PDB file of N, CA and C in Angstrom:
ATOM      1  N   UNK A   1      84.902 -54.347 125.691  1.00  0.00           N
ATOM      2  CA  UNK A   1      84.384 -55.455 125.383  1.00  0.00           C
ATOM      3  C   UNK A   1      84.550 -55.808 123.823  1.00  0.00           C
ATOM      4  N   UNK A   2      84.467 -55.029 123.020  1.00  0.00           N
ATOM      5  CA  UNK A   2      84.459 -55.064 121.679  1.00  0.00           C
ATOM      6  C   UNK A   2      85.832 -55.292 121.091  1.00  0.00           C
ATOM      7  N   UNK A   3      86.611 -54.556 121.889  1.00  0.00           N
ATOM      8  CA  UNK A   3      88.055 -54.804 121.410  1.00  0.00           C
ATOM      9  C   UNK A   3      88.646 -56.271 121.701  1.00  0.00           C
ATOM     10  N   UNK A   4      88.078 -56.996 122.639  1.00  0.00           N
ATOM     11  CA  UNK A   4      88.308 -58.431 122.752  1.00  0.00           C
ATOM     12  C   UNK A   4      87.823 -59.418 121.911  1.00  0.00           C
ATOM     13  N   UNK A   5      86.937 -58.946 121.114  1.00  0.00           N
ATOM     14  CA  UNK A   5      86.355 -59.850 120.342  1.00  0.00           C
ATOM     15  C   UNK A   5      87.344 -60.760 119.391  1.00  0.00           C
ATOM     16  N   UNK A   6      88.099 -59.952 118.475  1.00  0.00           N
ATOM     17  CA  UNK A   6      89.064 -60.490 117.756  1.00  0.00           C
ATOM     18  C   UNK A   6      89.793 -61.517 118.464  1.00  0.00           C
ATOM     19  N   UNK A   7      90.420 -61.179 119.649  1.00  0.00           N
ATOM     20  CA  UNK A   7      91.281 -61.963 120.406  1.00  0.00           C
ATOM     21  C   UNK A   7      90.552 -63.308 120.839  1.00  0.00           C
ATOM     22  N   UNK A   8      89.088 -63.290 121.119  1.00  0.00           N
ATOM     23  CA  UNK A   8      88.349 -64.342 121.442  1.00  0.00           C
ATOM     24  C   UNK A   8      88.247 -65.423 120.145  1.00  0.00           C
ATOM     25  N   UNK A   9      87.998 -64.824 119.026  1.00  0.00           N
ATOM     26  CA  UNK A   9      87.919 -65.574 117.739  1.00  0.00           C
ATOM     27  C   UNK A   9      89.313 -66.234 117.292  1.00  0.00           C
ATOM     28  N   UNK A  10      90.407 -65.356 117.622  1.00  0.00           N
ATOM     29  CA  UNK A  10      91.702 -66.024 117.171  1.00  0.00           C
ATOM     30  C   UNK A  10      92.230 -66.771 118.170  1.00  0.00           C
ATOM     31  N   UNK A  11      92.179 -66.539 119.456  1.00  0.00           N
ATOM     32  CA  UNK A  11      92.642 -67.194 120.507  1.00  0.00           C
ATOM     33  C   UNK A  11      92.010 -68.743 120.614  1.00  0.00           C
ATOM     34  N   UNK A  12      90.650 -68.909 120.439  1.00  0.00           N
ATOM     35  CA  UNK A  12      89.803 -69.901 120.566  1.00  0.00           C
ATOM     36  C   UNK A  12      89.860 -70.860 119.375  1.00  0.00           C
ATOM     37  N   UNK A  13      89.780 -70.033 118.094  1.00  0.00           N
ATOM     38  CA  UNK A  13      89.976 -70.721 116.805  1.00  0.00           C
ATOM     39  C   UNK A  13      91.271 -71.189 116.344  1.00  0.00           C
ATOM     40  N   UNK A  14      92.438 -70.649 116.626  1.00  0.00           N
ATOM     41  CA  UNK A  14      93.825 -70.646 116.126  1.00  0.00           C
ATOM     42  C   UNK A  14      94.324 -71.520 117.207  1.00  0.00           C
ATOM     43  N   UNK A  15      94.704 -70.863 118.406  1.00  0.00           N
ATOM     44  CA  UNK A  15      95.373 -71.536 119.454  1.00  0.00           C
ATOM     45  C   UNK A  15      95.016 -72.710 120.206  1.00  0.00           C
ATOM     46  N   UNK A  16      93.665 -72.708 120.705  1.00  0.00           N
ATOM     47  CA  UNK A  16      93.342 -73.940 121.163  1.00  0.00           C
ATOM     48  C   UNK A  16      93.186 -74.986 120.253  1.00  0.00           C
ATOM     49  N   UNK A  17      92.830 -74.900 119.016  1.00  0.00           N
ATOM     50  CA  UNK A  17      92.810 -75.914 117.965  1.00  0.00           C
ATOM     51  C   UNK A  17      94.145 -76.382 117.782  1.00  0.00           C
ATOM     52  N   UNK A  18      95.123 -75.629 117.650  1.00  0.00           N
ATOM     53  CA  UNK A  18      96.451 -76.036 117.431  1.00  0.00           C
ATOM     54  C   UNK A  18      97.004 -76.763 118.599  1.00  0.00           C
ATOM     55  N   UNK A  19      96.755 -76.189 119.864  1.00  0.00           N
ATOM     56  CA  UNK A  19      97.252 -77.151 120.904  1.00  0.00           C
ATOM     57  C   UNK A  19      96.458 -78.270 121.079  1.00  0.00           C
ATOM     58  N   UNK A  20      95.180 -78.345 121.271  1.00  0.00           N
ATOM     59  CA  UNK A  20      94.298 -79.433 121.601  1.00  0.00           C
ATOM     60  C   UNK A  20      93.992 -80.491 120.618  1.00  0.00           C
ATOM     61  N   UNK A  21      93.740 -79.988 119.199  1.00  0.00           N
ATOM     62  CA  UNK A  21      93.579 -80.835 118.184  1.00  0.00           C
ATOM     63  C   UNK A  21      94.779 -81.359 117.662  1.00  0.00           C
ATOM     64  N   UNK A  22      95.493 -80.248 116.991  1.00  0.00           N
ATOM     65  CA  UNK A  22      96.751 -80.634 116.311  1.00  0.00           C
ATOM     66  C   UNK A  22      97.958 -81.280 117.230  1.00  0.00           C
ATOM     67  N   UNK A  23      98.104 -80.820 118.268  1.00  0.00           N
ATOM     68  CA  UNK A  23      98.880 -81.155 119.317  1.00  0.00           C
ATOM     69  C   UNK A  23      98.480 -82.361 120.124  1.00  0.00           C
ATOM     70  N   UNK A  24      97.603 -82.263 121.191  1.00  0.00           N
ATOM     71  CA  UNK A  24      97.434 -83.199 121.945  1.00  0.00           C
ATOM     72  C   UNK A  24      96.601 -84.549 121.275  1.00  0.00           C
ATOM     73  N   UNK A  25      95.453 -84.219 120.499  1.00  0.00           N
ATOM     74  CA  UNK A  25      94.827 -85.181 119.961  1.00  0.00           C
ATOM     75  C   UNK A  25      95.724 -86.153 119.102  1.00  0.00           C
ATOM     76  N   UNK A  26      96.398 -85.360 118.285  1.00  0.00           N
ATOM     77  CA  UNK A  26      97.557 -86.002 117.248  1.00  0.00           C
ATOM     78  C   UNK A  26      98.301 -87.067 118.197  1.00  0.00           C
ATOM     79  N   UNK A  27      98.959 -86.726 119.246  1.00  0.00           N
ATOM     80  CA  UNK A  27      99.673 -87.435 120.241  1.00  0.00           C
ATOM     81  C   UNK A  27      99.018 -88.589 120.878  1.00  0.00           C
ATOM     82  N   UNK A  28      97.889 -88.196 121.262  1.00  0.00           N
ATOM     83  CA  UNK A  28      97.021 -89.421 121.715  1.00  0.00           C
ATOM     84  C   UNK A  28      96.771 -90.616 120.612  1.00  0.00           C
ATOM     85  N   UNK A  29      96.341 -89.844 119.320  1.00  0.00           N
ATOM     86  CA  UNK A  29      96.105 -90.945 118.284  1.00  0.00           C
ATOM     87  C   UNK A  29      97.238 -91.953 118.021  1.00  0.00           C
ATOM     88  N   UNK A  30      98.396 -90.994 117.959  1.00  0.00           N
ATOM     89  CA  UNK A  30      99.782 -91.741 117.659  1.00  0.00           C
ATOM     90  C   UNK A  30      99.812 -92.797 118.679  1.00  0.00           C
ATOM     91  N   UNK A  31      99.877 -92.473 119.840  1.00  0.00           N
ATOM     92  CA  UNK A  31     100.223 -93.263 121.059  1.00  0.00           C
ATOM     93  C   UNK A  31      99.064 -94.369 120.944  1.00  0.00           C
ATOM     94  N   UNK A  32      98.005 -94.353 120.716  1.00  0.00           N
ATOM     95  CA  UNK A  32      96.889 -95.159 120.700  1.00  0.00           C
ATOM     96  C   UNK A  32      97.273 -96.250 119.515  1.00  0.00           C
ATOM     97  N   UNK A  33      97.705 -95.597 118.450  1.00  0.00           N
ATOM     98  CA  UNK A  33      97.998 -96.419 117.058  1.00  0.00           C
ATOM     99  C   UNK A  33      99.232 -97.309 117.534  1.00  0.00           C
ATOM    100  N   UNK A  34     100.155 -96.823 118.292  1.00  0.00           N
ATOM    101  CA  UNK A  34     101.265 -97.465 118.610  1.00  0.00           C
ATOM    102  C   UNK A  34     101.054 -98.809 119.618  1.00  0.00           C
ATOM    103  N   UNK A  35     100.251 -98.237 120.635  1.00  0.00           N
ATOM    104  CA  UNK A  35      99.690 -99.375 121.779  1.00  0.00           C
ATOM    105  C   UNK A  35      98.942-100.469 121.244  1.00  0.00           C
ATOM    106  N   UNK A  36      98.114-100.108 120.056  1.00  0.00           N
ATOM    107  CA  UNK A  36      97.330-101.256 119.477  1.00  0.00           C
ATOM    108  C   UNK A  36      98.053-102.014 118.396  1.00  0.00           C
ATOM    109  N   UNK A  37      99.293-101.841 118.136  1.00  0.00           N
ATOM    110  CA  UNK A  37      99.984-102.726 117.203  1.00  0.00           C
ATOM    111  C   UNK A  37     100.153-102.081 115.945  1.00  0.00           C
ATOM    112  N   UNK A  38      99.844-101.007 115.554  1.00  0.00           N
ATOM    113  CA  UNK A  38      99.998-100.428 114.171  1.00  0.00           C
ATOM    114  C   UNK A  38      99.551-101.432 113.033  1.00  0.00           C
ATOM    115  N   UNK A  39      98.214-101.864 113.271  1.00  0.00           N
ATOM    116  CA  UNK A  39      97.589-102.833 112.355  1.00  0.00           C
ATOM    117  C   UNK A  39      97.205-102.387 111.082  1.00  0.00           C
ATOM    118  N   UNK A  40      97.232-101.219 110.807  1.00  0.00           N
ATOM    119  CA  UNK A  40      96.689-100.463 109.312  1.00  0.00           C
ATOM    120  C   UNK A  40      97.726 -99.512 109.146  1.00  0.00           C
ATOM    121  N   UNK A  41      97.155 -98.683 108.132  1.00  0.00           N
ATOM    122  CA  UNK A  41      97.810 -97.465 107.610  1.00  0.00           C
ATOM    123  C   UNK A  41      97.832 -96.259 108.816  1.00  0.00           C
ATOM    124  N   UNK A  42      97.039 -96.389 109.595  1.00  0.00           N
ATOM    125  CA  UNK A  42      96.739 -95.209 110.655  1.00  0.00           C
ATOM    126  C   UNK A  42      96.016 -95.721 111.834  1.00  0.00           C
ATOM    127  N   UNK A  43      95.662 -94.850 112.676  1.00  0.00           N
ATOM    128  CA  UNK A  43      94.931 -95.414 113.909  1.00  0.00           C
ATOM    129  C   UNK A  43      93.470 -95.534 113.455  1.00  0.00           C
ATOM    130  N   UNK A  44      93.022 -96.803 114.044  1.00  0.00           N
ATOM    131  CA  UNK A  44      91.531 -97.017 113.782  1.00  0.00           C
ATOM    132  C   UNK A  44      90.490 -95.963 114.399  1.00  0.00           C
ATOM    133  N   UNK A  45      89.276 -96.304 114.093  1.00  0.00           N
ATOM    134  CA  UNK A  45      88.204 -95.302 114.557  1.00  0.00           C
ATOM    135  C   UNK A  45      88.109 -95.258 116.012  1.00  0.00           C
ATOM    136  N   UNK A  46      88.277 -96.508 116.738  1.00  0.00           N
ATOM    137  CA  UNK A  46      88.334 -96.562 118.146  1.00  0.00           C
ATOM    138  C   UNK A  46      89.194 -95.872 118.861  1.00  0.00           C
ATOM    139  N   UNK A  47      90.483 -95.895 118.209  1.00  0.00           N
ATOM    140  CA  UNK A  47      91.655 -95.012 118.751  1.00  0.00           C
ATOM    141  C   UNK A  47      91.218 -93.539 118.588  1.00  0.00           C
ATOM    142  N   UNK A  48      90.842 -93.257 117.423  1.00  0.00           N
ATOM    143  CA  UNK A  48      90.497 -91.734 117.103  1.00  0.00           C
ATOM    144  C   UNK A  48      89.347 -91.233 118.108  1.00  0.00           C
ATOM    145  N   UNK A  49      88.389 -92.188 118.159  1.00  0.00           N
ATOM    146  CA  UNK A  49      87.375 -91.617 119.249  1.00  0.00           C
ATOM    147  C   UNK A  49      87.674 -91.476 120.588  1.00  0.00           C
ATOM    148  N   UNK A  50      88.776 -92.356 120.929  1.00  0.00           N
ATOM    149  CA  UNK A  50      89.277 -92.085 122.538  1.00  0.00           C
ATOM    150  C   UNK A  50      89.963 -90.792 122.399  1.00  0.00           C
ATOM    151  N   UNK A  51      90.856 -90.410 121.312  1.00  0.00           N
ATOM    152  CA  UNK A  51      91.745 -89.248 121.368  1.00  0.00           C
ATOM    153  C   UNK A  51      90.669 -88.124 121.248  1.00  0.00           C
ATOM    154  N   UNK A  52      89.663 -88.255 120.427  1.00  0.00           N
ATOM    155  CA  UNK A  52      88.705 -87.033 120.373  1.00  0.00           C
ATOM    156  C   UNK A  52      88.131 -86.722 121.799  1.00  0.00           C
ATOM    157  N   UNK A  53      87.805 -87.910 122.449  1.00  0.00           N
ATOM    158  CA  UNK A  53      86.963 -87.761 123.652  1.00  0.00           C
ATOM    159  C   UNK A  53      87.893 -87.263 124.807  1.00  0.00           C
ATOM    160  N   UNK A  54      89.261 -87.717 124.809  1.00  0.00           N
ATOM    161  CA  UNK A  54      90.173 -87.115 125.928  1.00  0.00           C
ATOM    162  C   UNK A  54      90.494 -85.674 125.626  1.00  0.00           C
ATOM    163  N   UNK A  55      90.689 -85.345 124.490  1.00  0.00           N
ATOM    164  CA  UNK A  55      91.209 -84.101 124.174  1.00  0.00           C
ATOM    165  C   UNK A  55      89.868 -83.202 124.296  1.00  0.00           C
ATOM    166  N   UNK A  56      88.604 -83.550 124.080  1.00  0.00           N
ATOM    167  CA  UNK A  56      87.470 -82.790 124.603  1.00  0.00           C
ATOM    168  C   UNK A  56      87.056 -82.603 125.758  1.00  0.00           C
ATOM    169  N   UNK A  57      87.492 -83.468 126.839  1.00  0.00           N
ATOM    170  CA  UNK A  57      87.366 -83.370 128.211  1.00  0.00           C
ATOM    171  C   UNK A  57      88.405 -82.445 128.677  1.00  0.00           C
ATOM    172  N   UNK A  58      89.590 -82.555 128.362  1.00  0.00           N
ATOM    173  CA  UNK A  58      90.683 -81.455 128.722  1.00  0.00           C
ATOM    174  C   UNK A  58      90.414 -80.269 128.101  1.00  0.00           C
ATOM    175  N   UNK A  59      89.753 -80.137 127.018  1.00  0.00           N
ATOM    176  CA  UNK A  59      89.487 -78.911 126.355  1.00  0.00           C
ATOM    177  C   UNK A  59      88.409 -78.215 127.662  1.00  0.00           C
ATOM    178  N   UNK A  60      87.226 -78.969 127.986  1.00  0.00           N
ATOM    179  CA  UNK A  60      86.422 -78.478 128.811  1.00  0.00           C
ATOM    180  C   UNK A  60      87.195 -78.199 130.084  1.00  0.00           C
ATOM    181  N   UNK A  61      88.013 -78.851 130.616  1.00  0.00           N
ATOM    182  CA  UNK A  61      88.726 -78.408 131.930  1.00  0.00           C
ATOM    183  C   UNK A  61      89.534 -77.360 131.534  1.00  0.00           C
ATOM    184  N   UNK A  62      90.197 -77.091 130.536  1.00  0.00           N
ATOM    185  CA  UNK A  62      91.116 -75.950 130.402  1.00  0.00           C
ATOM    186  C   UNK A  62      90.229 -74.553 130.532  1.00  0.00           C
ATOM    187  N   UNK A  63      88.877 -74.728 130.429  1.00  0.00           N
ATOM    188  CA  UNK A  63      88.088 -73.466 130.557  1.00  0.00           C
ATOM    189  C   UNK A  63      87.888 -73.094 131.955  1.00  0.00           C
ATOM    190  N   UNK A  64      88.204 -74.121 132.912  1.00  0.00           N
ATOM    191  CA  UNK A  64      87.909 -73.728 134.373  1.00  0.00           C
ATOM    192  C   UNK A  64      88.665 -72.389 134.905  1.00  0.00           C
ATOM    193  N   UNK A  65      90.025 -72.246 134.728  1.00  0.00           N
ATOM    194  CA  UNK A  65      90.822 -71.180 135.182  1.00  0.00           C
ATOM    195  C   UNK A  65      90.014 -69.883 134.953  1.00  0.00           C
ATOM    196  N   UNK A  66      89.792 -69.796 133.584  1.00  0.00           N
ATOM    197  CA  UNK A  66      88.952 -68.470 133.090  1.00  0.00           C
ATOM    198  C   UNK A  66      87.667 -68.215 133.947  1.00  0.00           C
ATOM    199  N   UNK A  67      86.962 -69.225 134.122  1.00  0.00           N
ATOM    200  CA  UNK A  67      85.715 -69.212 134.536  1.00  0.00           C
ATOM    201  C   UNK A  67      85.884 -68.647 136.285  1.00  0.00           C
ATOM    202  N   UNK A  68      86.895 -69.345 136.819  1.00  0.00           N
ATOM    203  CA  UNK A  68      87.298 -69.114 138.283  1.00  0.00           C
ATOM    204  C   UNK A  68      87.650 -67.583 138.414  1.00  0.00           C
ATOM    205  N   UNK A  69      88.098 -67.070 137.496  1.00  0.00           N
ATOM    206  CA  UNK A  69      88.497 -65.547 137.610  1.00  0.00           C
ATOM    207  C   UNK A  69      87.265 -64.770 137.773  1.00  0.00           C
ATOM    208  N   UNK A  70      86.064 -65.151 137.244  1.00  0.00           N
ATOM    209  CA  UNK A  70      84.785 -64.165 137.280  1.00  0.00           C
ATOM    210  C   UNK A  70      84.021 -64.554 138.218  1.00  0.00           C
ATOM    211  N   UNK A  71      83.952 -65.820 138.475  1.00  0.00           N
ATOM    212  CA  UNK A  71      82.603 -66.322 139.642  1.00  0.00           C
ATOM    213  C   UNK A  71      83.597 -67.405 140.522  1.00  0.00           C
ATOM    214  N   UNK A  72      82.882 -67.441 141.541  1.00  0.00           N
ATOM    215  CA  UNK A  72      83.386 -68.731 142.552  1.00  0.00           C
ATOM    216  C   UNK A  72      82.698 -70.009 141.910  1.00  0.00           C
ATOM    217  N   UNK A  73      83.702 -70.948 141.971  1.00  0.00           N
ATOM    218  CA  UNK A  73      83.417 -72.411 141.142  1.00  0.00           C
ATOM    219  C   UNK A  73      82.458 -73.165 142.218  1.00  0.00           C
ATOM    220  N   UNK A  74      81.225 -73.713 141.489  1.00  0.00           N
ATOM    221  CA  UNK A  74      80.537 -74.825 142.330  1.00  0.00           C
ATOM    222  C   UNK A  74      80.770 -75.998 141.677  1.00  0.00           C
ATOM    223  N   UNK A  75      80.222 -77.180 142.256  1.00  0.00           N
ATOM    224  CA  UNK A  75      80.325 -78.459 141.503  1.00  0.00           C
ATOM    225  C   UNK A  75      79.403 -78.233 140.340  1.00  0.00           C
ATOM    226  N   UNK A  76      78.404 -77.865 140.472  1.00  0.00           N
ATOM    227  CA  UNK A  76      77.399 -77.600 139.245  1.00  0.00           C
ATOM    228  C   UNK A  76      78.074 -76.848 138.044  1.00  0.00           C
ATOM    229  N   UNK A  77      78.643 -75.794 138.551  1.00  0.00           N
ATOM    230  CA  UNK A  77      79.063 -74.850 137.606  1.00  0.00           C
ATOM    231  C   UNK A  77      80.368 -75.525 136.882  1.00  0.00           C
ATOM    232  N   UNK A  78      81.118 -76.147 137.512  1.00  0.00           N
ATOM    233  CA  UNK A  78      82.343 -76.998 136.965  1.00  0.00           C
ATOM    234  C   UNK A  78      81.659 -77.977 136.053  1.00  0.00           C
ATOM    235  N   UNK A  79      80.565 -78.840 136.457  1.00  0.00           N
ATOM    236  CA  UNK A  79      80.112 -79.752 135.502  1.00  0.00           C
ATOM    237  C   UNK A  79      79.656 -79.253 134.343  1.00  0.00           C
ATOM    238  N   UNK A  80      79.046 -78.399 134.402  1.00  0.00           N
ATOM    239  CA  UNK A  80      78.330 -77.519 133.182  1.00  0.00           C
ATOM    240  C   UNK A  80      79.228 -77.041 132.181  1.00  0.00           C
ATOM    241  N   UNK A  81      80.332 -76.523 132.951  1.00  0.00           N
ATOM    242  CA  UNK A  81      81.347 -75.838 131.921  1.00  0.00           C
ATOM    243  C   UNK A  81      82.377 -77.044 131.395  1.00  0.00           C
ATOM    244  N   UNK A  82      82.617 -77.918 132.031  1.00  0.00           N
ATOM    245  CA  UNK A  82      83.150 -78.990 131.523  1.00  0.00           C
ATOM    246  C   UNK A  82      82.528 -79.984 130.498  1.00  0.00           C
ATOM    247  N   UNK A  83      81.260 -80.128 130.771  1.00  0.00           N
ATOM    248  CA  UNK A  83      80.387 -80.907 129.736  1.00  0.00           C
ATOM    249  C   UNK A  83      79.950 -80.000 128.572  1.00  0.00           C
ATOM    250  N   UNK A  84      79.593 -78.774 128.733  1.00  0.00           N
ATOM    251  CA  UNK A  84      79.287 -77.961 127.433  1.00  0.00           C
ATOM    252  C   UNK A  84      80.463 -77.870 126.516  1.00  0.00           C
ATOM    253  N   UNK A  85      81.575 -77.613 126.976  1.00  0.00           N
ATOM    254  CA  UNK A  85      82.772 -77.488 126.402  1.00  0.00           C
ATOM    255  C   UNK A  85      83.330 -78.566 125.716  1.00  0.00           C
ATOM    256  N   UNK A  86      83.288 -79.832 126.462  1.00  0.00           N
ATOM    257  CA  UNK A  86      83.511 -81.052 126.014  1.00  0.00           C
ATOM    258  C   UNK A  86      82.648 -81.537 124.700  1.00  0.00           C
ATOM    259  N   UNK A  87      81.437 -81.241 124.732  1.00  0.00           N
ATOM    260  CA  UNK A  87      80.504 -81.272 123.596  1.00  0.00           C
ATOM    261  C   UNK A  87      81.048 -80.566 122.294  1.00  0.00           C
ATOM    262  N   UNK A  88      81.402 -79.170 122.438  1.00  0.00           N
ATOM    263  CA  UNK A  88      81.950 -78.417 121.509  1.00  0.00           C
ATOM    264  C   UNK A  88      83.381 -79.200 121.000  1.00  0.00           C
ATOM    265  N   UNK A  89      84.091 -79.498 122.087  1.00  0.00           N
ATOM    266  CA  UNK A  89      85.258 -80.209 121.771  1.00  0.00           C
ATOM    267  C   UNK A  89      85.213 -81.260 120.733  1.00  0.00           C
ATOM    268  N   UNK A  90      84.055 -82.150 121.096  1.00  0.00           N
ATOM    269  CA  UNK A  90      84.042 -83.460 120.250  1.00  0.00           C
ATOM    270  C   UNK A  90      83.740 -83.056 118.969  1.00  0.00           C
ATOM    271  N   UNK A  91      82.983 -82.072 118.669  1.00  0.00           N
ATOM    272  CA  UNK A  91      82.607 -81.519 117.194  1.00  0.00           C
ATOM    273  C   UNK A  91      83.894 -81.231 116.724  1.00  0.00           C
ATOM    274  N   UNK A  92      84.738 -80.141 117.350  1.00  0.00           N
ATOM    275  CA  UNK A  92      85.838 -79.678 116.759  1.00  0.00           C
ATOM    276  C   UNK A  92      86.855 -80.896 116.445  1.00  0.00           C
ATOM    277  N   UNK A  93      87.062 -81.806 117.603  1.00  0.00           N
ATOM    278  CA  UNK A  93      87.750 -82.949 117.195  1.00  0.00           C
ATOM    279  C   UNK A  93      87.317 -83.776 116.047  1.00  0.00           C
ATOM    280  N   UNK A  94      86.101 -83.972 115.973  1.00  0.00           N
ATOM    281  CA  UNK A  94      85.648 -84.978 114.625  1.00  0.00           C
ATOM    282  C   UNK A  94      85.976 -84.143 113.327  1.00  0.00           C
ATOM    283  N   UNK A  95      85.815 -82.852 113.356  1.00  0.00           N
ATOM    284  CA  UNK A  95      86.092 -81.900 112.326  1.00  0.00           C
ATOM    285  C   UNK A  95      87.490 -81.996 111.945  1.00  0.00           C
ATOM    286  N   UNK A  96      88.466 -82.035 112.959  1.00  0.00           N
ATOM    287  CA  UNK A  96      90.049 -82.145 112.634  1.00  0.00           C
ATOM    288  C   UNK A  96      90.220 -83.538 112.129  1.00  0.00           C
ATOM    289  N   UNK A  97      89.708 -84.400 112.615  1.00  0.00           N
ATOM    290  CA  UNK A  97      89.857 -85.998 112.309  1.00  0.00           C
ATOM    291  C   UNK A  97      89.519 -86.280 110.821  1.00  0.00           C
ATOM    292  N   UNK A  98      88.030 -85.844 110.619  1.00  0.00           N
ATOM    293  CA  UNK A  98      87.618 -86.091 109.296  1.00  0.00           C
ATOM    294  C   UNK A  98      87.769 -85.305 108.226  1.00  0.00           C
ATOM    295  N   UNK A  99      87.931 -83.802 108.609  1.00  0.00           N
ATOM    296  CA  UNK A  99      88.166 -82.988 107.510  1.00  0.00           C
ATOM    297  C   UNK A  99      89.313 -82.250 107.525  1.00  0.00           C
ATOM    298  N   UNK A 100      89.636 -81.219 108.434  1.00  0.00           N
ATOM    299  CA  UNK A 100      91.146 -80.562 108.535  1.00  0.00           C
ATOM    300  C   UNK A 100      91.158 -79.793 109.777  1.00  0.00           C
ATOM    301  N   UNK A 101      92.232 -79.654 110.192  1.00  0.00           N
ATOM    302  CA  UNK A 101      92.698 -78.606 111.240  1.00  0.00           C
ATOM    303  C   UNK A 101      91.997 -77.211 110.936  1.00  0.00           C
ATOM    304  N   UNK A 102      92.035 -76.716 109.764  1.00  0.00           N
ATOM    305  CA  UNK A 102      91.314 -75.577 109.319  1.00  0.00           C
ATOM    306  C   UNK A 102      89.924 -75.512 109.567  1.00  0.00           C
ATOM    307  N   UNK A 103      89.168 -76.595 109.395  1.00  0.00           N
ATOM    308  CA  UNK A 103      87.832 -76.635 109.395  1.00  0.00           C
ATOM    309  C   UNK A 103      87.429 -76.717 110.998  1.00  0.00           C
ATOM    310  N   UNK A 104      88.302 -77.249 111.867  1.00  0.00           N
ATOM    311  CA  UNK A 104      88.137 -77.167 113.313  1.00  0.00           C
ATOM    312  C   UNK A 104      88.336 -75.825 113.887  1.00  0.00           C
ATOM    313  N   UNK A 105      89.427 -75.222 113.098  1.00  0.00           N
ATOM    314  CA  UNK A 105      89.595 -73.836 113.473  1.00  0.00           C
ATOM    315  C   UNK A 105      88.492 -72.680 113.059  1.00  0.00           C
ATOM    316  N   UNK A 106      88.176 -72.824 111.930  1.00  0.00           N
ATOM    317  CA  UNK A 106      86.854 -71.788 111.426  1.00  0.00           C
ATOM    318  C   UNK A 106      85.705 -72.275 112.377  1.00  0.00           C
ATOM    319  N   UNK A 107      85.359 -73.442 112.499  1.00  0.00           N
ATOM    320  CA  UNK A 107      84.153 -73.783 113.392  1.00  0.00           C
ATOM    321  C   UNK A 107      84.323 -73.203 114.747  1.00  0.00           C
ATOM    322  N   UNK A 108      85.465 -73.453 115.360  1.00  0.00           N
ATOM    323  CA  UNK A 108      85.679 -72.905 116.765  1.00  0.00           C
ATOM    324  C   UNK A 108      85.581 -71.319 116.962  1.00  0.00           C
ATOM    325  N   UNK A 109      86.329 -70.844 115.766  1.00  0.00           N
ATOM    326  CA  UNK A 109      86.057 -69.285 115.782  1.00  0.00           C
ATOM    327  C   UNK A 109      84.661 -68.837 115.505  1.00  0.00           C
ATOM    328  N   UNK A 110      83.904 -69.780 114.694  1.00  0.00           N
ATOM    329  CA  UNK A 110      82.509 -69.261 114.373  1.00  0.00           C
ATOM    330  C   UNK A 110      81.475 -69.544 115.552  1.00  0.00           C
ATOM    331  N   UNK A 111      81.930 -70.453 116.519  1.00  0.00           N
ATOM    332  CA  UNK A 111      81.217 -70.865 117.799  1.00  0.00           C
ATOM    333  C   UNK A 111      81.288 -69.689 118.697  1.00  0.00           C
ATOM    334  N   UNK A 112      82.299 -68.744 118.612  1.00  0.00           N
ATOM    335  CA  UNK A 112      82.435 -67.601 119.347  1.00  0.00           C
ATOM    336  C   UNK A 112      81.669 -66.401 119.021  1.00  0.00           C
ATOM    337  N   UNK A 113      81.167 -66.335 117.723  1.00  0.00           N
ATOM    338  CA  UNK A 113      80.346 -65.221 117.177  1.00  0.00           C
ATOM    339  C   UNK A 113      79.254 -65.045 118.110  1.00  0.00           C
ATOM    340  N   UNK A 114      78.346 -66.131 118.339  1.00  0.00           N
ATOM    341  CA  UNK A 114      77.077 -65.795 119.255  1.00  0.00           C
ATOM    342  C   UNK A 114      77.617 -65.609 120.674  1.00  0.00           C
ATOM    343  N   UNK A 115      78.744 -66.015 121.316  1.00  0.00           N
ATOM    344  CA  UNK A 115      78.907 -65.854 122.537  1.00  0.00           C
ATOM    345  C   UNK A 115      79.356 -64.417 122.670  1.00  0.00           C
ATOM    346  N   UNK A 116      80.056 -63.866 121.612  1.00  0.00           N
ATOM    347  CA  UNK A 116      80.436 -62.455 121.720  1.00  0.00           C
ATOM    348  C   UNK A 116      79.442 -61.692 121.919  1.00  0.00           C
ATOM    349  N   UNK A 117      78.227 -62.055 120.852  1.00  0.00           N
ATOM    350  CA  UNK A 117      77.319 -60.996 120.761  1.00  0.00           C
ATOM    351  C   UNK A 117      76.223 -61.202 122.023  1.00  0.00           C
ATOM    352  N   UNK A 118      76.156 -62.214 122.393  1.00  0.00           N
ATOM    353  CA  UNK A 118      75.580 -62.461 124.043  1.00  0.00           C
ATOM    354  C   UNK A 118      76.126 -61.570 124.984  1.00  0.00           C
ATOM    355  N   UNK A 119      77.574 -61.537 125.182  1.00  0.00           N
ATOM    356  CA  UNK A 119      78.295 -60.768 126.011  1.00  0.00           C
ATOM    357  C   UNK A 119      78.041 -59.254 125.900  1.00  0.00           C
ATOM    358  N   UNK A 120      78.071 -58.889 124.435  1.00  0.00           N
ATOM    359  CA  UNK A 120      77.914 -57.658 124.347  1.00  0.00           C
ATOM    360  C   UNK A 120      76.441 -57.035 124.520  1.00  0.00           C
ATOM    361  N   UNK A 121      75.371 -57.870 124.291  1.00  0.00           N
ATOM    362  CA  UNK A 121      74.072 -57.610 124.704  1.00  0.00           C
ATOM    363  C   UNK A 121      73.862 -57.458 126.190  1.00  0.00           C
ATOM    364  N   UNK A 122      74.510 -58.423 126.868  1.00  0.00           N
ATOM    365  CA  UNK A 122      74.682 -58.260 128.335  1.00  0.00           C
ATOM    366  C   UNK A 122      75.213 -57.177 128.903  1.00  0.00           C
ATOM    367  N   UNK A 123      76.210 -56.583 128.242  1.00  0.00           N
ATOM    368  CA  UNK A 123      76.930 -55.408 128.830  1.00  0.00           C
ATOM    369  C   UNK A 123      75.952 -54.195 128.407  1.00  0.00           C
ATOM    370  N   UNK A 124      75.377 -54.160 127.214  1.00  0.00           N
ATOM    371  CA  UNK A 124      74.306 -53.235 126.942  1.00  0.00           C
ATOM    372  C   UNK A 124      73.121 -53.045 127.809  1.00  0.00           C
ATOM    373  N   UNK A 125      72.679 -54.278 128.081  1.00  0.00           N
ATOM    374  CA  UNK A 125      71.340 -54.376 129.040  1.00  0.00           C
ATOM    375  C   UNK A 125      71.945 -53.997 130.452  1.00  0.00           C
ATOM    376  N   UNK A 126      73.085 -53.993 130.814  1.00  0.00           N
ATOM    377  CA  UNK A 126      73.381 -53.618 132.296  1.00  0.00           C
ATOM    378  C   UNK A 126      73.382 -52.604 132.824  1.00  0.00           C
TER     379      UNK A 126
END
């Protein structure tokens, strides 16, 4: 369990942010900017919030395969997983948009610290 902690920090913090924020969210923002007519130097706040929201929901959906490997999925479990991860995804998306990709990566990696601690505590108590 402890051996996987660095993988969780790095995969979540680096890979997921590179794929979902730098990749998907940037493409969605570019498409939105083009579709709305490129009326400014960059996509407006409305376009950016749509890009943040769509990438956040897909971030939540992306966590379902790993969950399905450990438990049988129910509608409530799917809704909870997508919703909670989407909330975090909105925060990471906002950080990417307003601060930097690095800020989103650090926040995402830091988000895994209490999750790993809870996992270790659960194993220790089992």
